[in-house]
């Protein structure tokens, strides 16, 4: 039986932040903000459950940014010293905070949020954390002197966080590494080692998510430049297959990724992106089933988990809800087909 999950973010409700805007400021403060985040997480957990999603998440309702939501609780980062830096191998420029001293985590960042989610669902629970390489590609370094060294420092903090979240009953801890698709040659050199440090001692399922980014102009323009086939995964999937990570999440729906690259993940569970997050067109259950069925040519169905390509934060809420329903319905359709064999 093929299970279902989501890759990451879901739209913020209008009471919490401006809809359809990535990383929008909070509209609440203090205790009202805490309550608003919890209300948003509770709503999206229920929506996921009703849609037939087996392994749910909070949809990143507790943080504005998938990387900075973790970093803003870490010492050693100067948020007043903003540095202009090229992101994802200079795909676009951004003003980012700067590491000025050894990074330290004083207490759990997401523990209270995870405890709330665990108390509000009996389904499997996934938590997403930024991966070490992607952190290093989203923050400037004025202390460590090399990305690998800084990545290992952050990996140790992520590991301490992950171990605490596991103790709260998390079933899957996923590390988001879109930077893997920009620095393919570095993944086997130090990217996988940093992930191994981040997952050390974990006994829950571990996953790494590598997509082609949100459906924003910079990412769409980059994808338009990649030609008829997107073969970035091909360069580092062998290293991931040899790694201790349990699951690999990738983009398949309406992408130009040749599904033959899935052969390179012969020893992993594969989170097959069957929902296009860069379009407001709602997939039919039949289309979702077709995407998953195409992946089955290269991956045994027992190793497939149906997923979204990436997060859906920029989408209208009703579109994201409908896409979740399509993911659940399409997977159920295929499961009935498999049961009838």
C-alpha atoms as a PDB file:
ATOM      1  CA  UNK A   1       0.000   0.000   0.000  1.00  0.00           C
ATOM      2  CA  UNK A   2       1.346   3.403  -1.027  1.00  0.00           C
ATOM      3  CA  UNK A   3       1.206   5.954   1.785  1.00  0.00           C
ATOM      4  CA  UNK A   4       0.864   9.734   1.488  1.00  0.00           C
ATOM      5  CA  UNK A   5       2.616  12.775   2.971  1.00  0.00           C
ATOM      6  CA  UNK A   6       3.513  16.346   2.053  1.00  0.00           C
ATOM      7  CA  UNK A   7       6.900  17.887   1.356  1.00  0.00           C
ATOM      8  CA  UNK A   8       6.652  20.990   3.503  1.00  0.00           C
ATOM      9  CA  UNK A   9       4.769  24.243   3.799  1.00  0.00           C
ATOM     10  CA  UNK A  10       1.065  25.007   3.444  1.00  0.00           C
ATOM     11  CA  UNK A  11      -0.564  28.451   3.048  1.00  0.00           C
ATOM     12  CA  UNK A  12      -0.857  30.638   6.122  1.00  0.00           C
ATOM     13  CA  UNK A  13      -4.482  31.485   7.030  1.00  0.00           C
ATOM     14  CA  UNK A  14      -5.378  35.158   6.586  1.00  0.00           C
ATOM     15  CA  UNK A  15      -5.562  35.727  10.341  1.00  0.00           C
ATOM     16  CA  UNK A  16      -1.926  34.662  10.734  1.00  0.00           C
ATOM     17  CA  UNK A  17      -0.095  36.263   7.783  1.00  0.00           C
ATOM     18  CA  UNK A  18      -0.777  37.799   4.388  1.00  0.00           C
ATOM     19  CA  UNK A  19      -2.055  35.010   2.117  1.00  0.00           C
ATOM     20  CA  UNK A  20      -0.226  33.896  -1.034  1.00  0.00           C
ATOM     21  CA  UNK A  21       2.992  35.608   0.010  1.00  0.00           C
ATOM     22  CA  UNK A  22       6.175  33.745   0.839  1.00  0.00           C
ATOM     23  CA  UNK A  23       7.609  34.543   4.274  1.00  0.00           C
ATOM     24  CA  UNK A  24       5.021  37.220   5.073  1.00  0.00           C
ATOM     25  CA  UNK A  25       5.258  38.992   8.477  1.00  0.00           C
ATOM     26  CA  UNK A  26       3.008  37.790  11.280  1.00  0.00           C
ATOM     27  CA  UNK A  27      -0.256  39.653  11.795  1.00  0.00           C
ATOM     28  CA  UNK A  28      -0.370  38.778  15.498  1.00  0.00           C
ATOM     29  CA  UNK A  29       1.959  39.281  18.459  1.00  0.00           C
ATOM     30  CA  UNK A  30       2.591  37.732  21.857  1.00  0.00           C
ATOM     31  CA  UNK A  31       0.104  35.214  23.194  1.00  0.00           C
ATOM     32  CA  UNK A  32      -2.220  35.930  20.265  1.00  0.00           C
ATOM     33  CA  UNK A  33       0.530  34.844  17.866  1.00  0.00           C
ATOM     34  CA  UNK A  34       1.103  31.586  19.745  1.00  0.00           C
ATOM     35  CA  UNK A  35      -2.631  30.854  19.680  1.00  0.00           C
ATOM     36  CA  UNK A  36      -2.906  31.834  16.015  1.00  0.00           C
ATOM     37  CA  UNK A  37      -0.083  29.494  14.999  1.00  0.00           C
ATOM     38  CA  UNK A  38      -1.641  26.644  16.960  1.00  0.00           C
ATOM     39  CA  UNK A  39      -5.047  27.287  15.407  1.00  0.00           C
ATOM     40  CA  UNK A  40      -3.483  27.261  11.923  1.00  0.00           C
ATOM     41  CA  UNK A  41      -1.622  24.018  12.606  1.00  0.00           C
ATOM     42  CA  UNK A  42      -4.773  22.390  13.999  1.00  0.00           C
ATOM     43  CA  UNK A  43      -6.762  23.402  10.909  1.00  0.00           C
ATOM     44  CA  UNK A  44      -4.188  22.055   8.463  1.00  0.00           C
ATOM     45  CA  UNK A  45      -3.714  18.806  10.367  1.00  0.00           C
ATOM     46  CA  UNK A  46      -7.474  18.210  10.130  1.00  0.00           C
ATOM     47  CA  UNK A  47      -7.504  19.110   6.417  1.00  0.00           C
ATOM     48  CA  UNK A  48      -4.662  16.671   5.749  1.00  0.00           C
ATOM     49  CA  UNK A  49      -6.356  13.900   7.704  1.00  0.00           C
ATOM     50  CA  UNK A  50      -9.652  14.441   5.869  1.00  0.00           C
ATOM     51  CA  UNK A  51      -7.790  14.367   2.522  1.00  0.00           C
ATOM     52  CA  UNK A  52      -6.304  10.952   3.289  1.00  0.00           C
ATOM     53  CA  UNK A  53      -2.762  12.083   4.093  1.00  0.00           C
ATOM     54  CA  UNK A  54      -1.150   9.369   6.217  1.00  0.00           C
ATOM     55  CA  UNK A  55       1.882  11.255   7.543  1.00  0.00           C
ATOM     56  CA  UNK A  56       0.879  14.831   8.352  1.00  0.00           C
ATOM     57  CA  UNK A  57       2.834  17.923   9.355  1.00  0.00           C
ATOM     58  CA  UNK A  58       2.106  21.388  10.693  1.00  0.00           C
ATOM     59  CA  UNK A  59       2.627  22.816   7.192  1.00  0.00           C
ATOM     60  CA  UNK A  60       5.256  25.149   8.678  1.00  0.00           C
ATOM     61  CA  UNK A  61       2.567  27.249  10.382  1.00  0.00           C
ATOM     62  CA  UNK A  62       4.917  27.956  13.283  1.00  0.00           C
ATOM     63  CA  UNK A  63       7.612  29.672  11.187  1.00  0.00           C
ATOM     64  CA  UNK A  64       7.829  32.337   8.500  1.00  0.00           C
ATOM     65  CA  UNK A  65      10.831  30.899   6.640  1.00  0.00           C
ATOM     66  CA  UNK A  66      11.885  27.282   6.304  1.00  0.00           C
ATOM     67  CA  UNK A  67      15.522  28.113   7.145  1.00  0.00           C
ATOM     68  CA  UNK A  68      15.349  31.301   9.208  1.00  0.00           C
ATOM     69  CA  UNK A  69      12.587  29.808  11.350  1.00  0.00           C
ATOM     70  CA  UNK A  70      15.327  27.657  12.871  1.00  0.00           C
ATOM     71  CA  UNK A  71      18.201  30.142  12.639  1.00  0.00           C
ATOM     72  CA  UNK A  72      16.433  32.965  14.481  1.00  0.00           C
ATOM     73  CA  UNK A  73      16.775  30.920  17.692  1.00  0.00           C
ATOM     74  CA  UNK A  74      20.512  30.262  17.249  1.00  0.00           C
ATOM     75  CA  UNK A  75      23.255  32.297  18.955  1.00  0.00           C
ATOM     76  CA  UNK A  76      26.257  33.438  16.927  1.00  0.00           C
ATOM     77  CA  UNK A  77      24.190  35.041  14.148  1.00  0.00           C
ATOM     78  CA  UNK A  78      24.068  38.828  13.742  1.00  0.00           C
ATOM     79  CA  UNK A  79      20.637  39.776  12.366  1.00  0.00           C
ATOM     80  CA  UNK A  80      21.637  43.423  12.134  1.00  0.00           C
ATOM     81  CA  UNK A  81      24.647  42.669   9.932  1.00  0.00           C
ATOM     82  CA  UNK A  82      22.919  41.891   6.662  1.00  0.00           C
ATOM     83  CA  UNK A  83      25.032  40.696   3.747  1.00  0.00           C
ATOM     84  CA  UNK A  84      24.093  40.550   0.078  1.00  0.00           C
ATOM     85  CA  UNK A  85      24.712  37.008  -1.091  1.00  0.00           C
ATOM     86  CA  UNK A  86      24.008  34.937  -4.184  1.00  0.00           C
ATOM     87  CA  UNK A  87      21.595  32.142  -3.313  1.00  0.00           C
ATOM     88  CA  UNK A  88      21.549  28.667  -4.956  1.00  0.00           C
ATOM     89  CA  UNK A  89      24.752  29.256  -6.922  1.00  0.00           C
ATOM     90  CA  UNK A  90      23.841  32.891  -7.666  1.00  0.00           C
ATOM     91  CA  UNK A  91      20.366  32.073  -8.996  1.00  0.00           C
ATOM     92  CA  UNK A  92      19.209  35.209  -7.180  1.00  0.00           C
ATOM     93  CA  UNK A  93      20.591  37.692  -4.634  1.00  0.00           C
ATOM     94  CA  UNK A  94      19.240  38.163  -1.132  1.00  0.00           C
ATOM     95  CA  UNK A  95      20.024  40.131   2.001  1.00  0.00           C
ATOM     96  CA  UNK A  96      20.917  37.535   4.638  1.00  0.00           C
ATOM     97  CA  UNK A  97      22.098  37.626   8.273  1.00  0.00           C
ATOM     98  CA  UNK A  98      25.723  36.883   9.070  1.00  0.00           C
ATOM     99  CA  UNK A  99      27.406  34.290  11.271  1.00  0.00           C
ATOM    100  CA  UNK A 100      29.896  36.201  13.420  1.00  0.00           C
ATOM    101  CA  UNK A 101      30.692  33.662  16.166  1.00  0.00           C
ATOM    102  CA  UNK A 102      30.462  29.953  16.914  1.00  0.00           C
ATOM    103  CA  UNK A 103      26.807  28.954  16.584  1.00  0.00           C
ATOM    104  CA  UNK A 104      24.987  27.599  19.625  1.00  0.00           C
ATOM    105  CA  UNK A 105      21.490  26.344  20.416  1.00  0.00           C
ATOM    106  CA  UNK A 106      20.381  27.234  23.932  1.00  0.00           C
ATOM    107  CA  UNK A 107      17.134  25.245  23.939  1.00  0.00           C
ATOM    108  CA  UNK A 108      14.793  23.337  21.651  1.00  0.00           C
ATOM    109  CA  UNK A 109      13.551  25.451  18.766  1.00  0.00           C
ATOM    110  CA  UNK A 110      10.471  23.493  17.690  1.00  0.00           C
ATOM    111  CA  UNK A 111       9.785  21.306  20.719  1.00  0.00           C
ATOM    112  CA  UNK A 112       6.638  23.097  21.928  1.00  0.00           C
ATOM    113  CA  UNK A 113       5.233  23.163  18.383  1.00  0.00           C
ATOM    114  CA  UNK A 114       5.870  19.462  17.842  1.00  0.00           C
ATOM    115  CA  UNK A 115       4.363  18.565  21.202  1.00  0.00           C
ATOM    116  CA  UNK A 116       1.205  20.464  20.207  1.00  0.00           C
ATOM    117  CA  UNK A 117       0.996  18.667  16.846  1.00  0.00           C
ATOM    118  CA  UNK A 118       1.617  15.258  18.408  1.00  0.00           C
ATOM    119  CA  UNK A 119      -1.269  15.881  20.815  1.00  0.00           C
ATOM    120  CA  UNK A 120      -3.559  16.839  17.930  1.00  0.00           C
ATOM    121  CA  UNK A 121      -3.178  13.884  15.562  1.00  0.00           C
ATOM    122  CA  UNK A 122      -3.062  10.120  15.746  1.00  0.00           C
ATOM    123  CA  UNK A 123      -1.606   9.960  12.242  1.00  0.00           C
ATOM    124  CA  UNK A 124       2.072   9.690  11.492  1.00  0.00           C
ATOM    125  CA  UNK A 125       3.809  13.023  12.162  1.00  0.00           C
ATOM    126  CA  UNK A 126       6.561  14.558  10.071  1.00  0.00           C
ATOM    127  CA  UNK A 127       8.745  17.505  11.061  1.00  0.00           C
ATOM    128  CA  UNK A 128      10.897  19.388   8.556  1.00  0.00           C
ATOM    129  CA  UNK A 129      14.220  21.037   9.366  1.00  0.00           C
ATOM    130  CA  UNK A 130      16.606  22.944   7.072  1.00  0.00           C
ATOM    131  CA  UNK A 131      19.513  20.858   5.854  1.00  0.00           C
ATOM    132  CA  UNK A 132      23.095  21.896   6.702  1.00  0.00           C
ATOM    133  CA  UNK A 133      24.119  22.681   3.110  1.00  0.00           C
ATOM    134  CA  UNK A 134      21.012  24.766   2.503  1.00  0.00           C
ATOM    135  CA  UNK A 135      21.576  26.677   5.738  1.00  0.00           C
ATOM    136  CA  UNK A 136      25.067  27.545   4.531  1.00  0.00           C
ATOM    137  CA  UNK A 137      23.613  28.748   1.231  1.00  0.00           C
ATOM    138  CA  UNK A 138      21.078  30.963   3.032  1.00  0.00           C
ATOM    139  CA  UNK A 139      23.311  32.741   5.551  1.00  0.00           C
ATOM    140  CA  UNK A 140      26.624  34.619   5.249  1.00  0.00           C
ATOM    141  CA  UNK A 141      29.784  33.407   6.986  1.00  0.00           C
ATOM    142  CA  UNK A 142      32.149  35.790   8.765  1.00  0.00           C
ATOM    143  CA  UNK A 143      33.457  33.258  11.277  1.00  0.00           C
ATOM    144  CA  UNK A 144      34.099  29.704  10.044  1.00  0.00           C
ATOM    145  CA  UNK A 145      35.918  30.406   6.791  1.00  0.00           C
ATOM    146  CA  UNK A 146      34.521  27.431   4.865  1.00  0.00           C
ATOM    147  CA  UNK A 147      31.076  26.112   4.091  1.00  0.00           C
ATOM    148  CA  UNK A 148      31.874  22.501   5.062  1.00  0.00           C
ATOM    149  CA  UNK A 149      33.116  23.592   8.499  1.00  0.00           C
ATOM    150  CA  UNK A 150      30.072  25.801   9.067  1.00  0.00           C
ATOM    151  CA  UNK A 151      27.763  23.036   7.817  1.00  0.00           C
ATOM    152  CA  UNK A 152      29.147  20.611  10.396  1.00  0.00           C
ATOM    153  CA  UNK A 153      28.599  23.170  13.144  1.00  0.00           C
ATOM    154  CA  UNK A 154      24.966  23.573  12.147  1.00  0.00           C
ATOM    155  CA  UNK A 155      24.581  19.801  11.703  1.00  0.00           C
ATOM    156  CA  UNK A 156      25.492  19.303  15.357  1.00  0.00           C
ATOM    157  CA  UNK A 157      22.777  21.777  16.381  1.00  0.00           C
ATOM    158  CA  UNK A 158      20.252  20.106  14.076  1.00  0.00           C
ATOM    159  CA  UNK A 159      21.117  16.736  15.568  1.00  0.00           C
ATOM    160  CA  UNK A 160      20.495  17.962  19.113  1.00  0.00           C
ATOM    161  CA  UNK A 161      17.156  19.396  17.978  1.00  0.00           C
ATOM    162  CA  UNK A 162      16.179  16.253  16.070  1.00  0.00           C
ATOM    163  CA  UNK A 163      16.909  13.979  19.018  1.00  0.00           C
ATOM    164  CA  UNK A 164      14.613  16.073  21.229  1.00  0.00           C
ATOM    165  CA  UNK A 165      11.850  16.081  18.602  1.00  0.00           C
ATOM    166  CA  UNK A 166      12.128  12.323  18.204  1.00  0.00           C
ATOM    167  CA  UNK A 167      11.603  11.937  21.948  1.00  0.00           C
ATOM    168  CA  UNK A 168       8.310  13.829  21.581  1.00  0.00           C
ATOM    169  CA  UNK A 169       6.934  11.182  19.222  1.00  0.00           C
ATOM    170  CA  UNK A 170       7.875  12.358  15.751  1.00  0.00           C
ATOM    171  CA  UNK A 171       7.719   9.587  13.137  1.00  0.00           C
ATOM    172  CA  UNK A 172       9.700  11.260  10.320  1.00  0.00           C
ATOM    173  CA  UNK A 173      12.315  14.006  10.473  1.00  0.00           C
ATOM    174  CA  UNK A 174      12.990  15.528   7.059  1.00  0.00           C
ATOM    175  CA  UNK A 175      15.912  17.765   6.151  1.00  0.00           C
ATOM    176  CA  UNK A 176      15.226  20.191   3.308  1.00  0.00           C
ATOM    177  CA  UNK A 177      18.189  20.457   0.941  1.00  0.00           C
ATOM    178  CA  UNK A 178      17.257  22.403  -2.219  1.00  0.00           C
ATOM    179  CA  UNK A 179      20.908  23.485  -2.337  1.00  0.00           C
ATOM    180  CA  UNK A 180      21.795  19.917  -3.375  1.00  0.00           C
ATOM    181  CA  UNK A 181      20.394  20.753  -6.820  1.00  0.00           C
ATOM    182  CA  UNK A 182      22.691  23.791  -7.090  1.00  0.00           C
ATOM    183  CA  UNK A 183      25.938  22.297  -5.773  1.00  0.00           C
ATOM    184  CA  UNK A 184      25.670  18.746  -7.083  1.00  0.00           C
ATOM    185  CA  UNK A 185      29.406  18.053  -6.983  1.00  0.00           C
ATOM    186  CA  UNK A 186      29.623  18.988  -3.289  1.00  0.00           C
ATOM    187  CA  UNK A 187      26.916  16.580  -2.101  1.00  0.00           C
ATOM    188  CA  UNK A 188      29.177  13.484  -2.188  1.00  0.00           C
ATOM    189  CA  UNK A 189      32.143  15.504  -0.859  1.00  0.00           C
ATOM    190  CA  UNK A 190      30.591  16.953   2.321  1.00  0.00           C
ATOM    191  CA  UNK A 191      26.810  17.284   1.914  1.00  0.00           C
ATOM    192  CA  UNK A 192      26.060  13.674   2.850  1.00  0.00           C
ATOM    193  CA  UNK A 193      28.571  13.765   5.730  1.00  0.00           C
ATOM    194  CA  UNK A 194      26.750  16.789   7.158  1.00  0.00           C
ATOM    195  CA  UNK A 195      23.431  14.933   6.894  1.00  0.00           C
ATOM    196  CA  UNK A 196      24.924  11.926   8.653  1.00  0.00           C
ATOM    197  CA  UNK A 197      25.997  14.149  11.536  1.00  0.00           C
ATOM    198  CA  UNK A 198      22.505  15.675  11.673  1.00  0.00           C
ATOM    199  CA  UNK A 199      20.798  12.254  11.928  1.00  0.00           C
ATOM    200  CA  UNK A 200      23.282  10.603  14.302  1.00  0.00           C
ATOM    201  CA  UNK A 201      21.460   8.573  16.942  1.00  0.00           C
ATOM    202  CA  UNK A 202      18.002   8.917  15.376  1.00  0.00           C
ATOM    203  CA  UNK A 203      15.822   5.813  15.202  1.00  0.00           C
ATOM    204  CA  UNK A 204      12.761   7.423  13.607  1.00  0.00           C
ATOM    205  CA  UNK A 205      12.555   7.633   9.813  1.00  0.00           C
ATOM    206  CA  UNK A 206      14.855  10.224   8.277  1.00  0.00           C
ATOM    207  CA  UNK A 207      14.317  11.945   4.939  1.00  0.00           C
ATOM    208  CA  UNK A 208      16.012  14.454   2.686  1.00  0.00           C
ATOM    209  CA  UNK A 209      13.932  16.633   0.372  1.00  0.00           C
ATOM    210  CA  UNK A 210      15.512  17.961  -2.835  1.00  0.00           C
ATOM    211  CA  UNK A 211      13.239  19.899  -5.184  1.00  0.00           C
ATOM    212  CA  UNK A 212      13.543  22.574  -7.845  1.00  0.00           C
ATOM    213  CA  UNK A 213      12.092  25.241  -5.571  1.00  0.00           C
ATOM    214  CA  UNK A 214       8.903  27.161  -5.033  1.00  0.00           C
ATOM    215  CA  UNK A 215       7.094  28.425  -8.099  1.00  0.00           C
ATOM    216  CA  UNK A 216       8.665  31.893  -7.897  1.00  0.00           C
ATOM    217  CA  UNK A 217      10.060  33.715 -10.935  1.00  0.00           C
ATOM    218  CA  UNK A 218      13.742  33.128 -10.109  1.00  0.00           C
ATOM    219  CA  UNK A 219      13.183  29.398  -9.846  1.00  0.00           C
ATOM    220  CA  UNK A 220      10.903  29.197 -12.876  1.00  0.00           C
ATOM    221  CA  UNK A 221      13.420  31.125 -14.989  1.00  0.00           C
ATOM    222  CA  UNK A 222      16.174  28.768 -13.834  1.00  0.00           C
ATOM    223  CA  UNK A 223      14.094  25.713 -14.706  1.00  0.00           C
ATOM    224  CA  UNK A 224      13.400  27.170 -18.147  1.00  0.00           C
ATOM    225  CA  UNK A 225      17.171  27.268 -18.708  1.00  0.00           C
ATOM    226  CA  UNK A 226      17.732  23.589 -17.884  1.00  0.00           C
ATOM    227  CA  UNK A 227      16.720  22.173 -21.254  1.00  0.00           C
ATOM    228  CA  UNK A 228      14.497  19.229 -22.123  1.00  0.00           C
ATOM    229  CA  UNK A 229      15.723  17.036 -19.255  1.00  0.00           C
ATOM    230  CA  UNK A 230      16.572  17.960 -15.663  1.00  0.00           C
ATOM    231  CA  UNK A 231      19.373  15.596 -14.711  1.00  0.00           C
ATOM    232  CA  UNK A 232      20.710  17.233 -11.535  1.00  0.00           C
ATOM    233  CA  UNK A 233      19.520  14.326  -9.378  1.00  0.00           C
ATOM    234  CA  UNK A 234      21.580  11.899 -11.430  1.00  0.00           C
ATOM    235  CA  UNK A 235      24.839  13.384 -10.160  1.00  0.00           C
ATOM    236  CA  UNK A 236      24.288  12.807  -6.438  1.00  0.00           C
ATOM    237  CA  UNK A 237      21.593  10.122  -6.072  1.00  0.00           C
ATOM    238  CA  UNK A 238      24.261   7.378  -5.936  1.00  0.00           C
ATOM    239  CA  UNK A 239      25.774   9.082  -2.883  1.00  0.00           C
ATOM    240  CA  UNK A 240      22.335   9.372  -1.271  1.00  0.00           C
ATOM    241  CA  UNK A 241      21.602   5.724  -1.998  1.00  0.00           C
ATOM    242  CA  UNK A 242      24.804   4.803  -0.170  1.00  0.00           C
ATOM    243  CA  UNK A 243      23.900   7.090   2.748  1.00  0.00           C
ATOM    244  CA  UNK A 244      22.144   6.283   6.020  1.00  0.00           C
ATOM    245  CA  UNK A 245      19.135   8.465   5.124  1.00  0.00           C
ATOM    246  CA  UNK A 246      15.943   6.379   4.901  1.00  0.00           C
ATOM    247  CA  UNK A 247      13.893   8.420   2.427  1.00  0.00           C
ATOM    248  CA  UNK A 248      14.541  10.723  -0.524  1.00  0.00           C
ATOM    249  CA  UNK A 249      11.893  13.240  -1.617  1.00  0.00           C
ATOM    250  CA  UNK A 250      11.975  14.583  -5.157  1.00  0.00           C
ATOM    251  CA  UNK A 251      10.012  16.481  -7.784  1.00  0.00           C
ATOM    252  CA  UNK A 252       8.196  14.406 -10.405  1.00  0.00           C
ATOM    253  CA  UNK A 253       4.839  16.049 -11.216  1.00  0.00           C
ATOM    254  CA  UNK A 254       4.942  18.073 -14.453  1.00  0.00           C
ATOM    255  CA  UNK A 255       8.730  18.222 -14.225  1.00  0.00           C
ATOM    256  CA  UNK A 256      11.376  17.332 -16.768  1.00  0.00           C
ATOM    257  CA  UNK A 257      13.123  14.937 -14.417  1.00  0.00           C
ATOM    258  CA  UNK A 258      13.631  11.638 -16.288  1.00  0.00           C
ATOM    259  CA  UNK A 259      12.078   9.068 -13.969  1.00  0.00           C
ATOM    260  CA  UNK A 260      14.827   6.626 -14.855  1.00  0.00           C
ATOM    261  CA  UNK A 261      16.967   8.433 -12.235  1.00  0.00           C
ATOM    262  CA  UNK A 262      14.836   6.661  -9.622  1.00  0.00           C
ATOM    263  CA  UNK A 263      16.804   3.517 -10.394  1.00  0.00           C
ATOM    264  CA  UNK A 264      19.682   5.170  -8.548  1.00  0.00           C
ATOM    265  CA  UNK A 265      17.681   4.992  -5.284  1.00  0.00           C
ATOM    266  CA  UNK A 266      17.310   1.228  -5.213  1.00  0.00           C
ATOM    267  CA  UNK A 267      17.799   1.013  -1.435  1.00  0.00           C
ATOM    268  CA  UNK A 268      15.621   3.944  -0.347  1.00  0.00           C
ATOM    269  CA  UNK A 269      12.009   4.795   0.222  1.00  0.00           C
ATOM    270  CA  UNK A 270      11.125   7.356  -2.426  1.00  0.00           C
ATOM    271  CA  UNK A 271       8.776  10.275  -1.825  1.00  0.00           C
ATOM    272  CA  UNK A 272       7.418  10.788  -5.328  1.00  0.00           C
ATOM    273  CA  UNK A 273       6.230  14.344  -5.934  1.00  0.00           C
ATOM    274  CA  UNK A 274       2.863  13.890  -7.628  1.00  0.00           C
ATOM    275  CA  UNK A 275       1.485  17.414  -7.064  1.00  0.00           C
ATOM    276  CA  UNK A 276       2.792  20.420  -9.027  1.00  0.00           C
ATOM    277  CA  UNK A 277       3.174  23.269  -6.530  1.00  0.00           C
ATOM    278  CA  UNK A 278       4.092  25.829  -9.203  1.00  0.00           C
ATOM    279  CA  UNK A 279       0.617  25.755 -10.771  1.00  0.00           C
ATOM    280  CA  UNK A 280      -2.861  26.551  -9.491  1.00  0.00           C
ATOM    281  CA  UNK A 281      -4.357  23.889 -11.757  1.00  0.00           C
ATOM    282  CA  UNK A 282      -5.849  21.147  -9.584  1.00  0.00           C
ATOM    283  CA  UNK A 283      -4.651  17.670 -10.456  1.00  0.00           C
ATOM    284  CA  UNK A 284      -7.265  14.992 -11.005  1.00  0.00           C
ATOM    285  CA  UNK A 285      -6.952  11.790  -8.973  1.00  0.00           C
ATOM    286  CA  UNK A 286      -6.269  10.022 -12.257  1.00  0.00           C
ATOM    287  CA  UNK A 287      -3.312  12.301 -12.995  1.00  0.00           C
ATOM    288  CA  UNK A 288      -1.848  11.731  -9.522  1.00  0.00           C
ATOM    289  CA  UNK A 289      -2.223   7.977  -9.989  1.00  0.00           C
ATOM    290  CA  UNK A 290      -0.572   8.218 -13.407  1.00  0.00           C
ATOM    291  CA  UNK A 291       2.474  10.012 -11.975  1.00  0.00           C
ATOM    292  CA  UNK A 292       2.850   7.390  -9.262  1.00  0.00           C
ATOM    293  CA  UNK A 293       2.280   4.577 -11.755  1.00  0.00           C
ATOM    294  CA  UNK A 294       5.050   5.962 -13.979  1.00  0.00           C
ATOM    295  CA  UNK A 295       7.425   5.954 -10.991  1.00  0.00           C
ATOM    296  CA  UNK A 296       6.555   2.299 -10.367  1.00  0.00           C
ATOM    297  CA  UNK A 297       8.448   1.385 -13.534  1.00  0.00           C
ATOM    298  CA  UNK A 298      11.628   2.147 -11.570  1.00  0.00           C
ATOM    299  CA  UNK A 299      10.606   1.820  -7.890  1.00  0.00           C
ATOM    300  CA  UNK A 300       8.701  -1.014  -6.221  1.00  0.00           C
ATOM    301  CA  UNK A 301       5.349   0.302  -4.943  1.00  0.00           C
ATOM    302  CA  UNK A 302       6.283  -0.837  -1.429  1.00  0.00           C
ATOM    303  CA  UNK A 303       9.022   1.823  -1.429  1.00  0.00           C
ATOM    304  CA  UNK A 304       6.891   4.663  -2.836  1.00  0.00           C
ATOM    305  CA  UNK A 305       5.318   7.377  -0.688  1.00  0.00           C
ATOM    306  CA  UNK A 306       3.071   9.806  -2.567  1.00  0.00           C
ATOM    307  CA  UNK A 307       4.030  13.414  -1.903  1.00  0.00           C
ATOM    308  CA  UNK A 308       3.922  16.983  -3.182  1.00  0.00           C
ATOM    309  CA  UNK A 309       6.767  18.360  -5.296  1.00  0.00           C
ATOM    310  CA  UNK A 310       7.590  21.013  -2.693  1.00  0.00           C
ATOM    311  CA  UNK A 311       5.783  23.313  -0.265  1.00  0.00           C
ATOM    312  CA  UNK A 312       2.536  25.073  -1.157  1.00  0.00           C
ATOM    313  CA  UNK A 313       2.851  28.245   0.950  1.00  0.00           C
ATOM    314  CA  UNK A 314       2.446  30.709  -1.983  1.00  0.00           C
ATOM    315  CA  UNK A 315      -0.753  29.091  -3.280  1.00  0.00           C
ATOM    316  CA  UNK A 316      -4.313  30.181  -2.477  1.00  0.00           C
ATOM    317  CA  UNK A 317      -5.624  28.171   0.430  1.00  0.00           C
ATOM    318  CA  UNK A 318      -8.497  26.606  -1.524  1.00  0.00           C
ATOM    319  CA  UNK A 319      -6.046  25.457  -4.210  1.00  0.00           C
ATOM    320  CA  UNK A 320      -3.752  23.831  -1.660  1.00  0.00           C
ATOM    321  CA  UNK A 321      -6.728  22.096  -0.019  1.00  0.00           C
ATOM    322  CA  UNK A 322      -7.914  20.749  -3.376  1.00  0.00           C
ATOM    323  CA  UNK A 323      -4.427  19.535  -4.258  1.00  0.00           C
ATOM    324  CA  UNK A 324      -4.208  17.648  -0.952  1.00  0.00           C
ATOM    325  CA  UNK A 325      -7.550  16.025  -1.715  1.00  0.00           C
ATOM    326  CA  UNK A 326      -6.287  15.059  -5.172  1.00  0.00           C
ATOM    327  CA  UNK A 327      -3.133  13.544  -3.671  1.00  0.00           C
ATOM    328  CA  UNK A 328      -5.140  11.434  -1.256  1.00  0.00           C
ATOM    329  CA  UNK A 329      -7.751  10.400  -3.819  1.00  0.00           C
ATOM    330  CA  UNK A 330      -5.220   9.597  -6.527  1.00  0.00           C
ATOM    331  CA  UNK A 331      -3.150   7.450  -4.192  1.00  0.00           C
ATOM    332  CA  UNK A 332      -6.284   5.618  -3.005  1.00  0.00           C
ATOM    333  CA  UNK A 333      -7.201   5.007  -6.637  1.00  0.00           C
ATOM    334  CA  UNK A 334      -3.838   3.424  -7.345  1.00  0.00           C
ATOM    335  CA  UNK A 335      -3.930   1.403  -4.121  1.00  0.00           C
ATOM    336  CA  UNK A 336      -7.261  -0.106  -5.172  1.00  0.00           C
ATOM    337  CA  UNK A 337      -5.734  -0.957  -8.512  1.00  0.00           C
ATOM    338  CA  UNK A 338      -2.747  -2.622  -6.841  1.00  0.00           C
ATOM    339  CA  UNK A 339      -4.988  -4.559  -4.467  1.00  0.00           C
ATOM    340  CA  UNK A 340      -6.885  -5.972  -7.434  1.00  0.00           C
ATOM    341  CA  UNK A 341      -3.823  -7.457  -9.069  1.00  0.00           C
END
